[in-house]
């Protein structure tokens, strides 16, 4: 398990632990821990951006699907 050395919380994933340490214990982090936090943060940011693009694409497809269905129903 991945335990936080500052508050004894347990995390199932190393990335979650690094994100927790960066957000909750930022001033106490060493240079190595800060770098791990920044890597985890950037990875999460990239995943969120990809999700947003996929959600936008799906929304556009649904919109045009309804638009075409409406056009053919006239």
C-alpha atoms as a PDB file:
ATOM      1  CA  UNK A   1       0.000   0.000   0.000  1.00  0.00           C
ATOM      2  CA  UNK A   2       1.006   3.616  -0.458  1.00  0.00           C
ATOM      3  CA  UNK A   3       0.902   5.487   2.824  1.00  0.00           C
ATOM      4  CA  UNK A   4       1.247   9.231   3.245  1.00  0.00           C
ATOM      5  CA  UNK A   5       4.170   9.823   5.624  1.00  0.00           C
ATOM      6  CA  UNK A   6       2.663  13.094   6.838  1.00  0.00           C
ATOM      7  CA  UNK A   7      -0.859  12.062   7.849  1.00  0.00           C
ATOM      8  CA  UNK A   8      -0.919   8.219   7.691  1.00  0.00           C
ATOM      9  CA  UNK A   9      -3.612   8.022   4.992  1.00  0.00           C
ATOM     10  CA  UNK A  10      -3.469   4.948   2.771  1.00  0.00           C
ATOM     11  CA  UNK A  11      -3.895   5.071  -1.000  1.00  0.00           C
ATOM     12  CA  UNK A  12      -4.362   2.237  -3.477  1.00  0.00           C
ATOM     13  CA  UNK A  13      -2.387   4.038  -6.166  1.00  0.00           C
ATOM     14  CA  UNK A  14       0.927   5.842  -6.004  1.00  0.00           C
ATOM     15  CA  UNK A  15      -0.417   8.639  -8.208  1.00  0.00           C
ATOM     16  CA  UNK A  16      -3.256   9.384  -5.790  1.00  0.00           C
ATOM     17  CA  UNK A  17      -0.769   9.545  -2.935  1.00  0.00           C
ATOM     18  CA  UNK A  18       1.456  11.968  -4.854  1.00  0.00           C
ATOM     19  CA  UNK A  19      -1.508  14.189  -5.684  1.00  0.00           C
ATOM     20  CA  UNK A  20      -2.641  14.131  -2.051  1.00  0.00           C
ATOM     21  CA  UNK A  21       0.793  15.059  -0.770  1.00  0.00           C
ATOM     22  CA  UNK A  22       1.074  17.952  -3.214  1.00  0.00           C
ATOM     23  CA  UNK A  23      -2.330  19.393  -2.362  1.00  0.00           C
ATOM     24  CA  UNK A  24      -2.359  18.784   1.406  1.00  0.00           C
ATOM     25  CA  UNK A  25       1.299  18.894   2.400  1.00  0.00           C
ATOM     26  CA  UNK A  26       2.869  21.141  -0.264  1.00  0.00           C
ATOM     27  CA  UNK A  27       5.237  23.192   1.906  1.00  0.00           C
ATOM     28  CA  UNK A  28       6.629  20.066   3.594  1.00  0.00           C
ATOM     29  CA  UNK A  29       7.570  18.226   0.385  1.00  0.00           C
ATOM     30  CA  UNK A  30      11.103  17.480  -0.670  1.00  0.00           C
ATOM     31  CA  UNK A  31      12.294  18.229  -4.196  1.00  0.00           C
ATOM     32  CA  UNK A  32      11.756  14.618  -5.224  1.00  0.00           C
ATOM     33  CA  UNK A  33       8.221  14.522  -3.793  1.00  0.00           C
ATOM     34  CA  UNK A  34       7.412  17.850  -5.465  1.00  0.00           C
ATOM     35  CA  UNK A  35       8.570  16.456  -8.835  1.00  0.00           C
ATOM     36  CA  UNK A  36       6.380  13.356  -8.325  1.00  0.00           C
ATOM     37  CA  UNK A  37       3.411  15.606  -7.551  1.00  0.00           C
ATOM     38  CA  UNK A  38       4.007  17.706 -10.662  1.00  0.00           C
ATOM     39  CA  UNK A  39       4.230  14.581 -12.857  1.00  0.00           C
ATOM     40  CA  UNK A  40       1.014  13.173 -11.378  1.00  0.00           C
ATOM     41  CA  UNK A  41      -0.734  16.532 -11.733  1.00  0.00           C
ATOM     42  CA  UNK A  42       0.292  16.877 -15.379  1.00  0.00           C
ATOM     43  CA  UNK A  43      -0.817  13.310 -16.134  1.00  0.00           C
ATOM     44  CA  UNK A  44      -4.201  13.953 -14.546  1.00  0.00           C
ATOM     45  CA  UNK A  45      -4.525  17.247 -16.426  1.00  0.00           C
ATOM     46  CA  UNK A  46      -3.828  15.451 -19.725  1.00  0.00           C
ATOM     47  CA  UNK A  47      -6.435  12.776 -18.938  1.00  0.00           C
ATOM     48  CA  UNK A  48      -9.049  15.419 -18.077  1.00  0.00           C
ATOM     49  CA  UNK A  49      -8.329  17.317 -21.298  1.00  0.00           C
ATOM     50  CA  UNK A  50      -8.744  14.134 -23.347  1.00  0.00           C
ATOM     51  CA  UNK A  51     -12.020  13.388 -21.550  1.00  0.00           C
ATOM     52  CA  UNK A  52     -13.293  16.891 -22.336  1.00  0.00           C
ATOM     53  CA  UNK A  53     -12.502  16.469 -26.038  1.00  0.00           C
ATOM     54  CA  UNK A  54     -14.274  13.108 -26.121  1.00  0.00           C
ATOM     55  CA  UNK A  55     -17.307  14.533 -24.305  1.00  0.00           C
ATOM     56  CA  UNK A  56     -17.464  17.476 -26.708  1.00  0.00           C
ATOM     57  CA  UNK A  57     -17.239  15.133 -29.705  1.00  0.00           C
ATOM     58  CA  UNK A  58     -20.047  12.982 -28.338  1.00  0.00           C
ATOM     59  CA  UNK A  59     -22.179  16.046 -27.681  1.00  0.00           C
ATOM     60  CA  UNK A  60     -21.673  17.239 -31.269  1.00  0.00           C
ATOM     61  CA  UNK A  61     -22.603  13.791 -32.631  1.00  0.00           C
ATOM     62  CA  UNK A  62     -25.752  13.626 -30.523  1.00  0.00           C
ATOM     63  CA  UNK A  63     -26.739  17.164 -31.534  1.00  0.00           C
ATOM     64  CA  UNK A  64     -26.361  16.449 -35.248  1.00  0.00           C
ATOM     65  CA  UNK A  65     -28.087  13.101 -34.822  1.00  0.00           C
ATOM     66  CA  UNK A  66     -31.143  14.827 -33.350  1.00  0.00           C
ATOM     67  CA  UNK A  67     -30.924  17.530 -36.010  1.00  0.00           C
ATOM     68  CA  UNK A  68     -30.971  14.938 -38.807  1.00  0.00           C
ATOM     69  CA  UNK A  69     -33.771  12.988 -37.166  1.00  0.00           C
ATOM     70  CA  UNK A  70     -35.817  16.165 -36.886  1.00  0.00           C
ATOM     71  CA  UNK A  71     -35.068  17.114 -40.517  1.00  0.00           C
ATOM     72  CA  UNK A  72     -36.260  13.722 -41.797  1.00  0.00           C
ATOM     73  CA  UNK A  73     -39.377  13.779 -39.648  1.00  0.00           C
ATOM     74  CA  UNK A  74     -40.680  16.908 -41.375  1.00  0.00           C
END
